[in-house]
Protein backbone atom coordinates (compact mmCIF):
# COMPACT_ATOMS: atom_id res chain seq x y z
CA MET A 1 123.50 -4.11 36.96
CA ILE A 2 122.47 -5.07 33.73
CA SER A 3 118.20 -5.83 33.26
CA ARG A 4 116.82 -7.61 30.55
CA SER A 5 113.84 -6.74 28.80
CA ARG A 6 111.16 -9.53 28.63
CA PRO A 7 110.08 -10.64 25.22
CA ALA A 8 106.56 -9.35 24.07
CA ARG A 9 104.30 -12.36 24.11
CA PRO A 10 103.10 -12.85 20.45
CA GLY A 11 99.69 -11.78 19.24
CA PRO A 12 97.15 -14.25 18.49
CA GLN A 13 97.88 -14.85 14.64
CA ARG A 14 95.93 -15.19 11.30
CA PRO A 15 96.81 -18.03 8.49
CA ALA A 16 98.91 -16.61 6.54
CA GLY A 17 97.41 -15.33 3.18
CA ARG A 18 93.80 -15.21 4.31
CA ARG A 19 91.77 -11.99 4.61
CA PRO A 20 88.51 -11.00 5.79
CA TRP A 21 85.77 -11.74 4.00
CA THR A 22 84.24 -7.79 4.24
CA LEU A 23 87.45 -6.80 2.91
CA SER A 24 87.98 -9.75 -0.05
CA LYS A 25 88.50 -7.73 -3.06
CA THR A 26 86.69 -10.52 -5.39
CA VAL A 27 84.19 -9.94 -3.06
CA VAL A 28 83.82 -5.71 -3.61
CA ASN A 29 84.63 -5.85 -6.99
CA GLY A 30 81.56 -8.56 -7.91
CA ALA A 31 78.28 -6.10 -6.11
CA LEU A 32 79.94 -3.23 -7.64
CA LEU A 33 79.83 -5.26 -11.48
CA LEU A 34 76.11 -6.60 -10.18
CA ALA A 35 75.93 -3.19 -9.34
CA THR A 36 76.23 -2.44 -12.57
CA LEU A 37 74.35 -4.94 -14.73
CA TYR A 38 71.37 -3.75 -12.48
CA THR A 39 71.66 0.29 -13.49
CA LEU A 40 72.79 -0.68 -17.19
CA LEU A 41 70.00 -3.40 -17.79
CA PRO A 42 66.80 -0.89 -18.86
CA LEU A 43 69.03 0.65 -20.94
CA ALA A 44 69.94 -2.55 -22.50
CA TRP A 45 66.51 -3.99 -23.56
CA LEU A 46 65.91 -0.14 -23.96
CA LEU A 47 68.60 0.04 -26.52
CA THR A 48 67.72 -3.49 -27.64
CA ALA A 49 63.74 -3.31 -27.51
CA ALA A 50 64.05 0.45 -29.97
CA ALA A 51 65.27 -1.68 -32.63
CA LYS A 52 62.28 -3.85 -32.95
CA ASN A 53 59.16 -3.17 -34.84
CA THR A 54 55.61 -3.63 -33.69
CA GLY A 55 55.42 -6.90 -34.10
CA ASP A 56 58.71 -8.15 -32.35
CA LEU A 57 58.18 -5.60 -29.94
CA LEU A 58 54.17 -7.11 -29.35
CA VAL A 59 54.99 -10.99 -29.48
CA GLY A 60 58.62 -10.94 -27.66
CA ASN A 61 60.80 -11.86 -30.43
CA THR A 62 64.43 -12.32 -30.06
CA LEU A 63 66.11 -9.48 -32.03
CA THR A 64 68.59 -10.66 -34.81
CA PRO A 65 70.42 -8.49 -37.45
CA ALA A 66 68.01 -9.88 -39.97
CA ARG A 67 65.12 -8.18 -37.17
CA TRP A 68 66.71 -4.18 -36.62
CA HIS A 69 64.78 -2.10 -37.71
CA LEU A 70 65.84 1.34 -35.78
CA GLY A 71 66.38 3.42 -39.06
CA GLU A 72 62.87 2.28 -39.73
CA ASN A 73 61.59 3.20 -35.91
CA LEU A 74 63.67 6.42 -36.18
CA GLN A 75 62.05 7.76 -39.68
CA HIS A 76 58.54 6.55 -38.32
CA LEU A 77 59.94 9.04 -35.44
CA VAL A 78 60.46 11.90 -37.83
CA SER A 79 57.40 12.01 -40.23
CA ALA A 80 54.71 10.99 -37.08
CA ASP A 81 52.28 13.78 -36.74
CA ASP A 82 54.22 16.28 -38.67
CA GLY A 83 57.80 15.53 -36.63
CA ILE A 84 55.74 17.00 -33.25
CA TYR A 85 58.50 14.69 -31.00
CA PHE A 86 61.62 16.54 -31.70
CA ARG A 87 59.21 19.81 -31.48
CA TRP A 88 58.94 18.32 -27.17
CA TYR A 89 62.91 17.22 -27.33
CA LEU A 90 64.15 20.86 -28.08
CA ASN A 91 60.77 22.15 -25.67
CA SER A 92 62.65 20.03 -23.03
CA LEU A 93 65.83 21.12 -23.74
CA LEU A 94 64.60 24.38 -23.46
CA TYR A 95 62.65 24.40 -20.04
CA ALA A 96 65.62 21.78 -18.98
CA GLY A 97 69.09 23.54 -20.16
CA LEU A 98 68.56 27.15 -20.13
CA GLY A 99 66.25 26.42 -16.57
CA ALA A 100 68.35 24.74 -14.98
CA LEU A 101 71.41 26.78 -16.37
CA LEU A 102 69.71 30.36 -14.38
CA CYS A 103 68.76 27.75 -10.90
CA ALA A 104 72.18 27.37 -10.64
CA PHE A 105 72.37 30.48 -10.84
CA VAL A 106 70.42 31.46 -8.69
CA CYS A 107 70.79 29.11 -5.82
CA VAL A 108 74.84 29.15 -6.47
CA CYS A 109 73.51 33.43 -5.03
CA ALA A 110 71.53 32.20 -2.17
CA GLY A 111 74.26 30.23 -1.09
CA TYR A 112 76.72 32.42 -1.47
CA ALA A 113 74.83 35.38 0.70
CA PHE A 114 73.96 33.06 3.67
CA GLU A 115 77.69 32.13 3.96
CA VAL A 116 79.54 35.07 3.55
CA TYR A 117 76.76 37.83 4.70
CA ALA A 118 75.36 38.65 7.75
CA PHE A 119 72.12 39.75 9.04
CA ARG A 120 68.48 40.09 10.73
CA GLY A 121 66.61 36.60 10.45
CA LYS A 122 69.77 34.83 8.25
CA GLU A 123 68.81 31.77 9.91
CA LYS A 124 65.47 31.55 10.34
CA LEU A 125 64.75 32.79 6.50
CA PHE A 126 67.82 29.86 5.42
CA GLY A 127 65.19 27.58 7.60
CA LEU A 128 62.80 28.34 5.79
CA VAL A 129 64.40 26.90 2.77
CA LEU A 130 65.03 23.89 4.00
CA VAL A 131 61.43 23.73 4.63
CA GLY A 132 61.04 24.17 1.14
CA VAL A 133 63.49 20.52 0.47
CA LEU A 134 60.83 18.55 2.51
CA VAL A 135 58.13 19.36 0.40
CA PRO A 136 57.49 17.20 -2.79
CA THR A 137 57.02 18.93 -5.87
CA THR A 138 53.95 16.82 -7.01
CA ALA A 139 52.78 18.54 -3.42
CA THR A 140 53.05 22.01 -5.43
CA ALA A 141 51.32 21.61 -8.55
CA LEU A 142 48.20 22.75 -7.56
CA PRO A 143 49.14 25.33 -5.68
CA MET A 144 51.74 26.74 -7.88
CA TYR A 145 48.66 25.82 -11.00
CA LEU A 146 45.67 28.68 -9.19
CA ILE A 147 48.89 31.16 -9.49
CA ALA A 148 49.14 30.36 -12.52
CA SER A 149 46.21 30.69 -13.47
CA LYS A 150 45.70 34.38 -12.07
CA ILE A 151 48.71 36.22 -14.01
CA GLY A 152 47.43 33.74 -17.14
CA ILE A 153 50.10 32.14 -17.78
CA VAL A 154 48.57 28.76 -18.19
CA ASN A 155 49.83 27.29 -20.92
CA THR A 156 52.66 28.83 -22.18
CA PHE A 157 56.24 28.74 -21.69
CA TRP A 158 56.33 30.94 -18.32
CA ALA A 159 53.83 28.27 -16.51
CA VAL A 160 56.51 25.38 -17.12
CA PHE A 161 59.59 27.89 -17.05
CA LEU A 162 59.20 29.98 -14.38
CA PRO A 163 59.42 27.07 -11.30
CA SER A 164 62.13 25.03 -12.26
CA LEU A 165 64.03 28.37 -11.59
CA VAL A 166 62.92 26.98 -7.65
CA PHE A 167 65.53 24.92 -6.22
CA PRO A 168 65.28 24.44 -2.25
CA PHE A 169 67.87 21.81 -1.85
CA GLY A 170 70.40 23.95 -4.40
CA VAL A 171 70.61 26.98 -2.56
CA TYR A 172 71.25 24.20 0.76
CA LEU A 173 74.02 22.80 -1.29
CA SER A 174 74.84 26.03 -2.54
CA ARG A 175 75.63 27.30 1.31
CA VAL A 176 77.73 23.80 1.91
CA PHE A 177 79.89 23.95 -1.25
CA CYS A 178 80.53 27.75 -0.47
CA GLY A 179 81.52 27.45 2.56
CA GLY A 180 84.27 24.40 2.08
CA TYR A 181 85.40 26.64 -0.65
CA ILE A 182 85.89 30.32 -0.67
CA PRO A 183 88.04 31.22 2.49
CA GLY A 184 87.26 34.51 4.03
CA GLU A 185 90.89 36.22 3.59
CA VAL A 186 90.42 35.66 0.23
CA LEU A 187 87.41 37.96 -0.05
CA GLU A 188 89.14 40.71 3.06
CA ALA A 189 92.32 40.88 0.43
CA ALA A 190 90.19 41.51 -2.78
CA ARG A 191 87.65 44.28 -0.15
CA MET A 192 91.25 45.94 0.78
CA ASP A 193 92.05 46.44 -2.41
CA GLY A 194 89.52 48.12 -3.42
CA ALA A 195 86.84 45.82 -5.38
CA GLY A 196 83.80 45.54 -4.47
CA GLU A 197 80.32 42.90 -3.58
CA LEU A 198 79.18 42.45 -6.84
CA ARG A 199 83.32 41.96 -8.23
CA ILE A 200 84.33 39.68 -5.98
CA PHE A 201 81.38 37.32 -6.15
CA TRP A 202 81.48 37.10 -9.76
CA SER A 203 85.11 37.58 -10.73
CA ILE A 204 86.41 35.31 -7.22
CA GLY A 205 83.00 33.25 -5.59
CA LEU A 206 81.67 32.25 -8.28
CA LYS A 207 84.83 30.85 -10.40
CA MET A 208 85.79 29.41 -6.59
CA VAL A 209 82.53 27.90 -6.18
CA MET A 210 81.96 26.65 -9.50
CA PRO A 211 82.05 21.91 -8.83
CA GLY A 212 79.25 23.40 -6.76
CA PHE A 213 77.77 25.41 -9.68
CA VAL A 214 78.10 22.57 -11.97
CA THR A 215 76.52 19.70 -8.99
CA VAL A 216 72.85 22.15 -9.28
CA PHE A 217 72.84 22.48 -12.05
CA LEU A 218 73.39 18.80 -12.72
CA PHE A 219 70.76 18.67 -10.76
CA GLN A 220 68.03 20.27 -11.48
CA PHE A 221 68.65 19.47 -15.02
CA THR A 222 68.09 15.63 -14.46
CA ALA A 223 64.83 17.59 -12.03
CA ILE A 224 63.76 19.20 -14.71
CA TRP A 225 64.08 16.50 -18.19
CA ASN A 226 62.55 14.05 -16.23
CA ASN A 227 59.76 16.08 -14.87
CA PHE A 228 56.66 15.40 -16.00
CA PHE A 229 53.58 16.12 -13.54
CA LEU A 230 53.43 19.75 -13.48
CA PRO A 231 53.30 19.98 -16.84
CA LEU A 232 50.67 17.96 -16.81
CA VAL A 233 49.18 20.17 -14.87
CA MET A 234 49.90 23.76 -17.24
CA LEU A 235 50.14 22.16 -20.70
CA SER A 236 47.30 21.78 -22.65
CA ASP A 237 48.66 22.98 -26.04
CA ASN A 238 50.93 19.66 -27.92
CA ASP A 239 53.07 22.01 -29.56
CA LEU A 240 54.01 22.82 -25.43
CA PHE A 241 54.96 19.29 -24.52
CA PRO A 242 57.87 18.18 -22.87
CA VAL A 243 59.29 15.05 -24.16
CA SER A 244 58.55 13.69 -21.17
CA LEU A 245 54.44 13.74 -21.81
CA GLY A 246 54.79 14.00 -24.89
CA LEU A 247 55.93 10.23 -24.62
CA TYR A 248 52.74 10.20 -22.33
CA THR A 249 50.84 10.77 -24.60
CA TRP A 250 51.79 8.96 -27.56
CA ASN A 251 51.64 5.37 -24.78
CA THR A 252 47.95 6.39 -24.44
CA GLU A 253 46.45 5.88 -27.34
CA THR A 254 48.50 2.20 -28.22
CA HIS A 255 46.14 0.42 -27.31
CA ALA A 256 44.04 1.44 -30.34
CA PHE A 257 47.16 1.81 -32.44
CA PRO A 258 50.04 -0.46 -31.54
CA GLU A 259 51.94 1.18 -34.32
CA TYR A 260 52.69 3.81 -31.36
CA TYR A 261 54.58 1.37 -30.03
CA PRO A 262 58.25 1.96 -31.73
CA LEU A 263 57.97 4.92 -31.45
CA VAL A 264 57.28 5.12 -27.55
CA VAL A 265 60.00 2.83 -27.19
CA THR A 266 62.39 4.93 -29.71
CA GLY A 267 61.95 7.92 -28.25
CA SER A 268 62.38 7.06 -24.89
CA LEU A 269 66.01 6.13 -26.39
CA LEU A 270 66.50 9.79 -27.90
CA ALA A 271 65.52 10.97 -23.98
CA VAL A 272 68.12 9.09 -22.41
CA LEU A 273 70.59 10.90 -24.72
CA PRO A 274 70.50 14.72 -23.36
CA LEU A 275 71.39 13.61 -19.54
CA VAL A 276 74.15 10.71 -20.68
CA VAL A 277 76.31 13.64 -22.39
CA ALA A 278 75.01 16.35 -19.99
CA PHE A 279 76.80 13.82 -16.80
CA VAL A 280 79.54 12.57 -19.41
CA ALA A 281 80.61 16.56 -20.43
CA LEU A 282 80.28 18.07 -16.80
CA GLN A 283 81.84 15.04 -14.52
CA ARG A 284 85.51 16.67 -14.45
CA HIS A 285 84.09 19.73 -12.35
CA TRP A 286 81.57 16.95 -10.63
CA LYS A 287 84.71 14.85 -9.45
CA ALA A 288 86.98 18.04 -8.52
CA GLY A 289 84.14 19.39 -6.58
CA LEU A 290 83.54 15.70 -4.71
CA THR A 291 87.02 15.31 -3.87
CA ALA A 292 88.29 18.42 -3.13
CA GLY A 293 87.37 18.19 0.46
CA SER A 294 89.19 14.96 0.54
CA VAL A 295 92.41 16.51 0.03
CA LYS A 296 92.21 19.51 1.63
């Protein structure tokens, strides 16, 4: 006896050549283009404004090749107040570069310890670290000033540098990276070969978690470079100002001295460059960290 199967009923057919609007490449690319333009518009304005003189900035004249004054503005920036701007620039590089480097190392060490080792009260201590993530940095500026005043480091380099080494979110992020990048089997094999704990961390753990190190470094570098309130509270010596606080002091002078307007705008343009260089130079490591979880 031969049995015949019923033909499958055709399901609802979509019109040929039509796709849901949510999957349209035109809509997605258009949204990305608008987001890109929205992000780059302030930078484009800063670039054009840095090439204007005081009159063109105040009147709002359109930039033309005949009114291109970027070279003159840079010369004035170098000579203004005996070249104090580049002293501020160097201070920011020290605060942000050295501070972010040491902070990232401290965070990776702490995250490695929280992830790899078992000790009494570990989760409670880690919960205390997470509480620190919820506290805004502006709320801690006054207590840190009181502590710095007691130990006598107010209006010194250390008053801004030492607080930059504390980054609770970096500890949390480092623990997440250590949990995803460092297999326990590798550590056990190293211990069986006779390697000490410090040797294991330095030769194996730190290299494996390097994308996390770079990520924490970029986060903290950006935060320290843009930091304004803490230096405002801690410092009164112009020679110790970071570039953010120095430009603020110039901006407060623009009402009485309008010639400071081009200096503030040109200085702001130069202040963006280290952030761009840092992200472009380290994007290879950061992309590796972002995509590693998708290929495991």
